[in-house]
C-alpha atoms as a PDB file:
ATOM      1  CA  MET A   1       0.000   0.000   0.000  1.00  0.00           C
ATOM      2  CA  PRO A   2       1.453   3.376  -0.959  1.00  0.00           C
ATOM      3  CA  GLN A   3       2.375   6.004   1.577  1.00  0.00           C
ATOM      4  CA  ARG A   4       0.449   9.149   0.620  1.00  0.00           C
ATOM      5  CA  TYR A   5       1.178  12.733   1.566  1.00  0.00           C
ATOM      6  CA  PRO A   6      -1.469  15.474   1.537  1.00  0.00           C
ATOM      7  CA  SER A   7      -1.503  18.451  -0.793  1.00  0.00           C
ATOM      8  CA  ILE A   8       0.309  21.646   0.149  1.00  0.00           C
ATOM      9  CA  GLY A   9      -2.395  23.587  -1.695  1.00  0.00           C
ATOM     10  CA  ARG A  10      -0.291  24.561  -4.694  1.00  0.00           C
ATOM     11  CA  CYS A  11       1.821  23.019  -7.449  1.00  0.00           C
ATOM     12  CA  ILE A  12       5.102  21.738  -6.026  1.00  0.00           C
ATOM     13  CA  TYR A  13       6.937  22.889  -9.163  1.00  0.00           C
ATOM     14  CA  CYS A  14       5.597  26.348 -10.073  1.00  0.00           C
ATOM     15  CA  GLY A  15       3.511  27.329  -7.046  1.00  0.00           C
ATOM     16  CA  ASN A  16       0.257  27.716  -9.014  1.00  0.00           C
ATOM     17  CA  GLU A  17      -2.682  27.571  -6.630  1.00  0.00           C
ATOM     18  CA  GLU A  18      -5.399  27.492  -9.312  1.00  0.00           C
ATOM     19  CA  GLY A  19      -7.020  24.577 -11.107  1.00  0.00           C
ATOM     20  CA  LYS A  20      -6.895  20.855 -10.699  1.00  0.00           C
ATOM     21  CA  ARG A  21      -3.631  19.166  -9.768  1.00  0.00           C
ATOM     22  CA  GLY A  22      -2.516  15.586 -10.275  1.00  0.00           C
ATOM     23  CA  GLU A  23      -0.656  13.252  -7.968  1.00  0.00           C
ATOM     24  CA  GLU A  24       3.116  12.856  -8.127  1.00  0.00           C
ATOM     25  CA  HIS A  25       4.995   9.610  -7.619  1.00  0.00           C
ATOM     26  CA  ILE A  26       8.320  10.338  -5.926  1.00  0.00           C
ATOM     27  CA  VAL A  27       9.885   7.498  -7.883  1.00  0.00           C
ATOM     28  CA  PRO A  28       8.360   7.452 -11.390  1.00  0.00           C
ATOM     29  CA  ARG A  29       5.605   4.889 -11.857  1.00  0.00           C
ATOM     30  CA  ALA A  30       7.556   3.422 -14.787  1.00  0.00           C
ATOM     31  CA  LEU A  31      10.241   2.420 -12.278  1.00  0.00           C
ATOM     32  CA  ALA A  32       7.692   0.755  -9.985  1.00  0.00           C
ATOM     33  CA  GLY A  33       7.254   3.990  -8.048  1.00  0.00           C
ATOM     34  CA  ASP A  34       3.982   3.406  -6.263  1.00  0.00           C
ATOM     35  CA  ALA A  35       5.389   3.533  -2.725  1.00  0.00           C
ATOM     36  CA  ILE A  36       5.338   7.299  -2.015  1.00  0.00           C
ATOM     37  CA  ILE A  37       2.750   9.596  -3.572  1.00  0.00           C
ATOM     38  CA  PHE A  38       2.017  13.305  -3.126  1.00  0.00           C
ATOM     39  CA  ASP A  39      -1.705  13.887  -3.624  1.00  0.00           C
ATOM     40  CA  ASP A  40      -2.902  16.914  -5.570  1.00  0.00           C
ATOM     41  CA  ALA A  41       0.706  17.989  -6.187  1.00  0.00           C
ATOM     42  CA  SER A  42       1.355  19.240  -9.732  1.00  0.00           C
ATOM     43  CA  CYS A  43      -0.672  21.498 -12.024  1.00  0.00           C
ATOM     44  CA  ARG A  44      -1.587  20.216 -15.465  1.00  0.00           C
ATOM     45  CA  ASP A  45       1.103  22.292 -17.242  1.00  0.00           C
ATOM     46  CA  CYS A  46       3.902  21.075 -14.960  1.00  0.00           C
ATOM     47  CA  GLU A  47       2.527  17.533 -15.047  1.00  0.00           C
ATOM     48  CA  LYS A  48       2.789  17.525 -18.855  1.00  0.00           C
ATOM     49  CA  MET A  49       6.348  18.884 -18.735  1.00  0.00           C
ATOM     50  CA  ILE A  50       7.487  16.401 -16.075  1.00  0.00           C
ATOM     51  CA  ASN A  51       5.867  13.448 -17.886  1.00  0.00           C
ATOM     52  CA  LYS A  52       7.567  14.429 -21.139  1.00  0.00           C
ATOM     53  CA  PHE A  53      10.934  14.673 -19.367  1.00  0.00           C
ATOM     54  CA  GLU A  54      10.458  11.365 -17.527  1.00  0.00           C
ATOM     55  CA  HIS A  55       9.415   9.609 -20.733  1.00  0.00           C
ATOM     56  CA  SER A  56      12.512  10.887 -22.515  1.00  0.00           C
ATOM     57  CA  VAL A  57      14.869   9.819 -19.742  1.00  0.00           C
ATOM     58  CA  LEU A  58      13.209   6.471 -19.134  1.00  0.00           C
ATOM     59  CA  SER A  59      13.029   5.506 -22.795  1.00  0.00           C
ATOM     60  CA  LYS A  60      16.285   6.935 -24.151  1.00  0.00           C
ATOM     61  CA  VAL A  61      18.677   6.889 -21.219  1.00  0.00           C
ATOM     62  CA  LEU A  62      17.432   4.024 -19.083  1.00  0.00           C
ATOM     63  CA  GLY A  63      15.627   2.058 -21.804  1.00  0.00           C
ATOM     64  CA  PRO A  64      18.263  -0.655 -22.287  1.00  0.00           C
ATOM     65  CA  SER A  65      18.603  -1.303 -18.541  1.00  0.00           C
ATOM     66  CA  ARG A  66      14.847  -1.388 -17.916  1.00  0.00           C
END
């Protein structure tokens, strides 16, 4: 069962307090990161940017070792 942390009321990346925020896995889900989760942590814009970055790193850099 994952350990969950409550929202701080704003995006953990940009500080935006408006709109809906998604959860953040401290270790990316693609690396079996379901143990520690921040609820309501990142705004949609930052979530898209972080997911794009993680996808790039996980597929290009770590792809062969995964």
